[in-house]
All heavy atoms as atom14 arrays in JSON, in Angstrom:
{
  "sequence": "LMAELDQAKLQLSYTEIHAPIDGRIGKSLLSV",
  "atom14_mask": [
    [1, 1, 1, 1, 1, 1, 1, 1, 0, 0, 0, 0, 0, 0],
    [1, 1, 1, 1, 1, 1, 1, 1, 0, 0, 0, 0, 0, 0],
    [1, 1, 1, 1, 1, 0, 0, 0, 0, 0, 0, 0, 0, 0],
    [1, 1, 1, 1, 1, 1, 1, 1, 1, 0, 0, 0, 0, 0],
    [1, 1, 1, 1, 1, 1, 1, 1, 0, 0, 0, 0, 0, 0],
    [1, 1, 1, 1, 1, 1, 1, 1, 0, 0, 0, 0, 0, 0],
    [1, 1, 1, 1, 1, 1, 1, 1, 1, 0, 0, 0, 0, 0],
    [1, 1, 1, 1, 1, 0, 0, 0, 0, 0, 0, 0, 0, 0],
    [1, 1, 1, 1, 1, 1, 1, 1, 1, 0, 0, 0, 0, 0],
    [1, 1, 1, 1, 1, 1, 1, 1, 0, 0, 0, 0, 0, 0],
    [1, 1, 1, 1, 1, 1, 1, 1, 1, 0, 0, 0, 0, 0],
    [1, 1, 1, 1, 1, 1, 1, 1, 0, 0, 0, 0, 0, 0],
    [1, 1, 1, 1, 1, 1, 0, 0, 0, 0, 0, 0, 0, 0],
    [1, 1, 1, 1, 1, 1, 1, 1, 1, 1, 1, 1, 0, 0],
    [1, 1, 1, 1, 1, 1, 1, 0, 0, 0, 0, 0, 0, 0],
    [1, 1, 1, 1, 1, 1, 1, 1, 1, 0, 0, 0, 0, 0],
    [1, 1, 1, 1, 1, 1, 1, 1, 0, 0, 0, 0, 0, 0],
    [1, 1, 1, 1, 1, 1, 1, 1, 1, 1, 0, 0, 0, 0],
    [1, 1, 1, 1, 1, 0, 0, 0, 0, 0, 0, 0, 0, 0],
    [1, 1, 1, 1, 1, 1, 1, 0, 0, 0, 0, 0, 0, 0],
    [1, 1, 1, 1, 1, 1, 1, 1, 0, 0, 0, 0, 0, 0],
    [1, 1, 1, 1, 1, 1, 1, 1, 0, 0, 0, 0, 0, 0],
    [1, 1, 1, 1, 0, 0, 0, 0, 0, 0, 0, 0, 0, 0],
    [1, 1, 1, 1, 1, 1, 1, 1, 1, 1, 1, 0, 0, 0],
    [1, 1, 1, 1, 1, 1, 1, 1, 0, 0, 0, 0, 0, 0],
    [1, 1, 1, 1, 0, 0, 0, 0, 0, 0, 0, 0, 0, 0],
    [1, 1, 1, 1, 1, 1, 1, 1, 1, 0, 0, 0, 0, 0],
    [1, 1, 1, 1, 1, 1, 0, 0, 0, 0, 0, 0, 0, 0],
    [1, 1, 1, 1, 1, 1, 1, 1, 0, 0, 0, 0, 0, 0],
    [1, 1, 1, 1, 1, 1, 1, 1, 0, 0, 0, 0, 0, 0],
    [1, 1, 1, 1, 1, 1, 0, 0, 0, 0, 0, 0, 0, 0],
    [1, 1, 1, 1, 1, 1, 1, 0, 0, 0, 0, 0, 0, 0]
  ],
  "atom14_positions": [
    [[-54.19, -103.15, -87.3], [-52.79, -103.38, -86.98], [-52.44, -102.87, -85.58], [-51.59, -103.45, -84.89], [-51.9, -102.72, -88.02], [-51.97, -103.35, -89.42], [-51.18, -102.53, -90.43], [-51.49, -104.79, -89.39], [0.0, 0.0, 0.0], [0.0, 0.0, 0.0], [0.0, 0.0, 0.0], [0.0, 0.0, 0.0], [0.0, 0.0, 0.0], [0.0, 0.0, 0.0]],
    [[-53.11, -101.81, -85.12], [-52.91, -101.35, -83.74], [-53.38, -102.39, -82.73], [-52.74, -102.62, -81.7], [-53.65, -100.03, -83.51], [-52.92, -98.8, -84.03], [-51.35, -98.5, -83.17], [-51.9, -98.25, -81.5], [0.0, 0.0, 0.0], [0.0, 0.0, 0.0], [0.0, 0.0, 0.0], [0.0, 0.0, 0.0], [0.0, 0.0, 0.0], [0.0, 0.0, 0.0]],
    [[-54.51, -103.04, -83.05], [-55.01, -104.1, -82.16], [-54.01, -105.27, -82.11], [-53.77, -105.85, -81.04], [-56.38, -104.58, -82.63], [0.0, 0.0, 0.0], [0.0, 0.0, 0.0], [0.0, 0.0, 0.0], [0.0, 0.0, 0.0], [0.0, 0.0, 0.0], [0.0, 0.0, 0.0], [0.0, 0.0, 0.0], [0.0, 0.0, 0.0], [0.0, 0.0, 0.0]],
    [[-53.42, -105.59, -83.29], [-52.43, -106.67, -83.31], [-51.18, -106.27, -82.52], [-50.57, -107.13, -81.85], [-52.08, -106.99, -84.76], [-53.22, -107.66, -85.52], [-52.86, -107.91, -86.97], [-51.74, -107.53, -87.38], [-53.7, -108.49, -87.7], [0.0, 0.0, 0.0], [0.0, 0.0, 0.0], [0.0, 0.0, 0.0], [0.0, 0.0, 0.0], [0.0, 0.0, 0.0]],
    [[-50.8, -105.0, -82.57], [-49.66, -104.53, -81.78], [-49.97, -104.63, -80.29], [-49.12, -105.08, -79.5], [-49.33, -103.08, -82.15], [-48.23, -102.41, -81.31], [-46.92, -103.19, -81.41], [-48.05, -100.95, -81.73], [0.0, 0.0, 0.0], [0.0, 0.0, 0.0], [0.0, 0.0, 0.0], [0.0, 0.0, 0.0], [0.0, 0.0, 0.0], [0.0, 0.0, 0.0]],
    [[-51.19, -104.23, -79.9], [-51.57, -104.34, -78.49], [-51.54, -105.8, -78.04], [-51.1, -106.1, -76.92], [-52.97, -103.75, -78.27], [-53.0, -102.24, -78.43], [-51.93, -101.61, -78.33], [-54.11, -101.69, -78.65], [0.0, 0.0, 0.0], [0.0, 0.0, 0.0], [0.0, 0.0, 0.0], [0.0, 0.0, 0.0], [0.0, 0.0, 0.0], [0.0, 0.0, 0.0]],
    [[-52.01, -106.71, -78.91], [-51.99, -108.13, -78.57], [-50.56, -108.63, -78.43], [-50.24, -109.41, -77.52], [-52.73, -108.92, -79.64], [-52.77, -110.42, -79.42], [-53.58, -110.83, -78.19], [-54.4, -110.05, -77.71], [-53.33, -112.02, -77.68], [0.0, 0.0, 0.0], [0.0, 0.0, 0.0], [0.0, 0.0, 0.0], [0.0, 0.0, 0.0], [0.0, 0.0, 0.0]],
    [[-49.66, -108.18, -79.31], [-48.25, -108.59, -79.24], [-47.61, -108.08, -77.95], [-46.83, -108.8, -77.3], [-47.5, -108.09, -80.46], [0.0, 0.0, 0.0], [0.0, 0.0, 0.0], [0.0, 0.0, 0.0], [0.0, 0.0, 0.0], [0.0, 0.0, 0.0], [0.0, 0.0, 0.0], [0.0, 0.0, 0.0], [0.0, 0.0, 0.0], [0.0, 0.0, 0.0]],
    [[-47.93, -106.83, -77.58], [-47.39, -106.28, -76.33], [-47.95, -107.01, -75.12], [-47.24, -107.24, -74.12], [-47.72, -104.79, -76.24], [-46.92, -103.92, -77.21], [-47.29, -102.45, -77.04], [-46.45, -101.56, -77.94], [-46.81, -100.12, -77.8], [0.0, 0.0, 0.0], [0.0, 0.0, 0.0], [0.0, 0.0, 0.0], [0.0, 0.0, 0.0], [0.0, 0.0, 0.0]],
    [[-49.22, -107.39, -75.19], [-49.84, -108.13, -74.08], [-49.15, -109.48, -73.9], [-48.83, -109.88, -72.77], [-51.32, -108.31, -74.34], [-52.13, -109.02, -73.25], [-52.07, -108.22, -71.95], [-53.58, -109.23, -73.69], [0.0, 0.0, 0.0], [0.0, 0.0, 0.0], [0.0, 0.0, 0.0], [0.0, 0.0, 0.0], [0.0, 0.0, 0.0], [0.0, 0.0, 0.0]],
    [[-48.91, -110.18, -75.02], [-48.23, -111.46, -74.92], [-46.8, -111.29, -74.41], [-46.3, -112.14, -73.65], [-48.24, -112.15, -76.29], [-49.62, -112.66, -76.69], [-49.57, -113.5, -77.94], [-48.72, -113.28, -78.81], [-50.47, -114.47, -78.04], [0.0, 0.0, 0.0], [0.0, 0.0, 0.0], [0.0, 0.0, 0.0], [0.0, 0.0, 0.0], [0.0, 0.0, 0.0]],
    [[-46.15, -110.21, -74.8], [-44.81, -109.95, -74.28], [-44.86, -109.72, -72.76], [-43.98, -110.19, -72.03], [-44.21, -108.72, -74.97], [-42.83, -108.28, -74.47], [-41.8, -109.4, -74.63], [-42.38, -107.01, -75.18], [0.0, 0.0, 0.0], [0.0, 0.0, 0.0], [0.0, 0.0, 0.0], [0.0, 0.0, 0.0], [0.0, 0.0, 0.0], [0.0, 0.0, 0.0]],
    [[-45.9, -109.03, -72.3], [-46.02, -108.8, -70.85], [-46.24, -110.1, -70.1], [-45.85, -110.24, -68.94], [-47.18, -107.83, -70.56], [-48.44, -108.44, -70.8], [0.0, 0.0, 0.0], [0.0, 0.0, 0.0], [0.0, 0.0, 0.0], [0.0, 0.0, 0.0], [0.0, 0.0, 0.0], [0.0, 0.0, 0.0], [0.0, 0.0, 0.0], [0.0, 0.0, 0.0]],
    [[-46.86, -111.1, -70.77], [-47.1, -112.39, -70.13], [-45.81, -113.18, -69.93], [-45.81, -114.2, -69.23], [-48.08, -113.22, -70.94], [-49.5, -112.71, -70.92], [-50.42, -113.09, -71.91], [-49.94, -111.86, -69.92], [-51.72, -112.63, -71.89], [-51.25, -111.39, -69.9], [-52.13, -111.78, -70.89], [-53.42, -111.32, -70.87], [0.0, 0.0, 0.0], [0.0, 0.0, 0.0]],
    [[-44.71, -112.75, -70.56], [-43.43, -113.45, -70.34], [-42.9, -113.19, -68.94], [-42.01, -113.91, -68.48], [-42.39, -113.01, -71.36], [-42.14, -111.6, -71.24], [-42.86, -113.33, -72.78], [0.0, 0.0, 0.0], [0.0, 0.0, 0.0], [0.0, 0.0, 0.0], [0.0, 0.0, 0.0], [0.0, 0.0, 0.0], [0.0, 0.0, 0.0], [0.0, 0.0, 0.0]],
    [[-43.42, -112.18, -68.26], [-43.05, -111.9, -66.88], [-44.23, -112.23, -65.97], [-45.34, -111.73, -66.17], [-42.65, -110.43, -66.7], [-41.38, -110.06, -67.46], [-40.96, -108.62, -67.18], [-41.77, -107.86, -66.58], [-39.84, -108.26, -67.57], [0.0, 0.0, 0.0], [0.0, 0.0, 0.0], [0.0, 0.0, 0.0], [0.0, 0.0, 0.0], [0.0, 0.0, 0.0]],
    [[-43.99, -113.07, -64.99], [-45.04, -113.48, -64.05], [-44.73, -112.82, -62.71], [-43.7, -113.1, -62.08], [-45.12, -115.0, -63.91], [-45.41, -115.63, -65.27], [-46.17, -115.4, -62.89], [-45.41, -117.15, -65.26], [0.0, 0.0, 0.0], [0.0, 0.0, 0.0], [0.0, 0.0, 0.0], [0.0, 0.0, 0.0], [0.0, 0.0, 0.0], [0.0, 0.0, 0.0]],
    [[-45.63, -111.92, -62.28], [-45.44, -111.16, -61.05], [-46.37, -111.7, -59.96], [-47.4, -112.32, -60.24], [-45.73, -109.68, -61.28], [-44.8, -109.03, -62.26], [-43.71, -108.28, -61.86], [-44.79, -109.02, -63.62], [-43.07, -107.83, -62.92], [-43.69, -108.27, -64.01], [0.0, 0.0, 0.0], [0.0, 0.0, 0.0], [0.0, 0.0, 0.0], [0.0, 0.0, 0.0]],
    [[-46.01, -111.43, -58.72], [-46.85, -111.84, -57.58], [-48.09, -110.95, -57.53], [-47.97, -109.73, -57.46], [-46.07, -111.72, -56.28], [0.0, 0.0, 0.0], [0.0, 0.0, 0.0], [0.0, 0.0, 0.0], [0.0, 0.0, 0.0], [0.0, 0.0, 0.0], [0.0, 0.0, 0.0], [0.0, 0.0, 0.0], [0.0, 0.0, 0.0], [0.0, 0.0, 0.0]],
    [[-49.29, -111.53, -57.56], [-50.51, -110.72, -57.5], [-50.89, -110.29, -56.09], [-51.67, -109.36, -55.9], [-51.57, -111.63, -58.1], [-51.09, -113.02, -57.8], [-49.58, -112.95, -57.8], [0.0, 0.0, 0.0], [0.0, 0.0, 0.0], [0.0, 0.0, 0.0], [0.0, 0.0, 0.0], [0.0, 0.0, 0.0], [0.0, 0.0, 0.0], [0.0, 0.0, 0.0]],
    [[-50.36, -110.98, -55.07], [-50.7, -110.69, -53.68], [-49.45, -110.82, -52.82], [-48.45, -111.41, -53.24], [-51.79, -111.64, -53.13], [-51.29, -113.1, -53.19], [-53.09, -111.47, -53.85], [-52.21, -114.1, -52.5], [0.0, 0.0, 0.0], [0.0, 0.0, 0.0], [0.0, 0.0, 0.0], [0.0, 0.0, 0.0], [0.0, 0.0, 0.0], [0.0, 0.0, 0.0]],
    [[-49.52, -110.27, -51.6], [-48.49, -110.53, -50.59], [-48.72, -111.93, -50.01], [-49.86, -112.38, -49.87], [-48.57, -109.51, -49.45], [-48.23, -108.1, -49.91], [-47.71, -107.96, -51.03], [-48.5, -107.16, -49.14], [0.0, 0.0, 0.0], [0.0, 0.0, 0.0], [0.0, 0.0, 0.0], [0.0, 0.0, 0.0], [0.0, 0.0, 0.0], [0.0, 0.0, 0.0]],
    [[-47.64, -112.61, -49.66], [-47.79, -113.92, -49.04], [-46.49, -114.69, -49.08], [-45.41, -114.13, -49.31], [0.0, 0.0, 0.0], [0.0, 0.0, 0.0], [0.0, 0.0, 0.0], [0.0, 0.0, 0.0], [0.0, 0.0, 0.0], [0.0, 0.0, 0.0], [0.0, 0.0, 0.0], [0.0, 0.0, 0.0], [0.0, 0.0, 0.0], [0.0, 0.0, 0.0]],
    [[-46.61, -115.99, -48.86], [-45.45, -116.89, -48.97], [-45.63, -117.75, -50.19], [-46.73, -118.24, -50.49], [-45.33, -117.79, -47.74], [-44.74, -117.1, -46.52], [-44.54, -118.09, -45.4], [-43.61, -119.15, -45.78], [-43.62, -120.37, -45.26], [-44.52, -120.7, -44.37], [-42.73, -121.26, -45.62], [0.0, 0.0, 0.0], [0.0, 0.0, 0.0], [0.0, 0.0, 0.0]],
    [[-44.54, -117.93, -50.93], [-44.59, -118.73, -52.14], [-44.03, -120.12, -51.86], [-43.07, -120.28, -51.11], [-43.81, -118.03, -53.29], [-44.06, -118.74, -54.61], [-42.32, -117.95, -52.99], [-43.63, -117.95, -55.82], [0.0, 0.0, 0.0], [0.0, 0.0, 0.0], [0.0, 0.0, 0.0], [0.0, 0.0, 0.0], [0.0, 0.0, 0.0], [0.0, 0.0, 0.0]],
    [[-44.67, -121.11, -52.44], [-44.26, -122.48, -52.2], [-43.19, -122.96, -53.16], [-42.47, -122.17, -53.78], [0.0, 0.0, 0.0], [0.0, 0.0, 0.0], [0.0, 0.0, 0.0], [0.0, 0.0, 0.0], [0.0, 0.0, 0.0], [0.0, 0.0, 0.0], [0.0, 0.0, 0.0], [0.0, 0.0, 0.0], [0.0, 0.0, 0.0], [0.0, 0.0, 0.0]],
    [[-43.12, -124.25, -53.32], [-42.09, -124.88, -54.15], [-42.4, -124.64, -55.62], [-43.55, -124.69, -56.06], [-42.05, -126.37, -53.86], [-41.06, -127.16, -54.69], [-41.07, -128.62, -54.29], [-40.21, -129.46, -55.22], [-38.85, -128.98, -55.36], [0.0, 0.0, 0.0], [0.0, 0.0, 0.0], [0.0, 0.0, 0.0], [0.0, 0.0, 0.0], [0.0, 0.0, 0.0]],
    [[-41.34, -124.36, -56.4], [-41.49, -124.25, -57.85], [-41.64, -125.65, -58.44], [-40.81, -126.53, -58.22], [-40.26, -123.55, -58.46], [-40.38, -123.5, -59.87], [0.0, 0.0, 0.0], [0.0, 0.0, 0.0], [0.0, 0.0, 0.0], [0.0, 0.0, 0.0], [0.0, 0.0, 0.0], [0.0, 0.0, 0.0], [0.0, 0.0, 0.0], [0.0, 0.0, 0.0]],
    [[-42.73, -125.85, -59.18], [-43.03, -127.19, -59.69], [-42.37, -127.48, -61.04], [-42.4, -128.62, -61.49], [-44.55, -127.36, -59.8], [-45.3, -127.18, -58.47], [-46.79, -127.36, -58.67], [-44.78, -128.15, -57.42], [0.0, 0.0, 0.0], [0.0, 0.0, 0.0], [0.0, 0.0, 0.0], [0.0, 0.0, 0.0], [0.0, 0.0, 0.0], [0.0, 0.0, 0.0]],
    [[-41.8, -126.45, -61.69], [-41.08, -126.64, -62.94], [-39.74, -125.93, -62.85], [-39.66, -124.83, -62.29], [-41.88, -126.11, -64.14], [-43.13, -126.93, -64.52], [-43.93, -126.21, -65.59], [-42.76, -128.32, -65.0], [0.0, 0.0, 0.0], [0.0, 0.0, 0.0], [0.0, 0.0, 0.0], [0.0, 0.0, 0.0], [0.0, 0.0, 0.0], [0.0, 0.0, 0.0]],
    [[-38.71, -126.51, -63.42], [-37.37, -125.94, -63.33], [-37.11, -125.0, -64.5], [-37.75, -125.08, -65.55], [-36.33, -127.06, -63.32], [-36.54, -127.94, -62.25], [0.0, 0.0, 0.0], [0.0, 0.0, 0.0], [0.0, 0.0, 0.0], [0.0, 0.0, 0.0], [0.0, 0.0, 0.0], [0.0, 0.0, 0.0], [0.0, 0.0, 0.0], [0.0, 0.0, 0.0]],
    [[-36.13, -124.12, -64.3], [-35.68, -123.25, -65.38], [-35.19, -124.1, -66.55], [-34.48, -125.09, -66.36], [-34.54, -122.33, -64.88], [-33.92, -121.56, -66.04], [-35.07, -121.35, -63.84], [0.0, 0.0, 0.0], [0.0, 0.0, 0.0], [0.0, 0.0, 0.0], [0.0, 0.0, 0.0], [0.0, 0.0, 0.0], [0.0, 0.0, 0.0], [0.0, 0.0, 0.0]]
  ]
}
């Protein structure tokens, strides 16, 4: 059950997409 909790937390963290590097970001290909 701890492993399932870790998996649930990991999937929750995937709801936020952060910039992995410095740079310029292009056009968003999908809308909100």
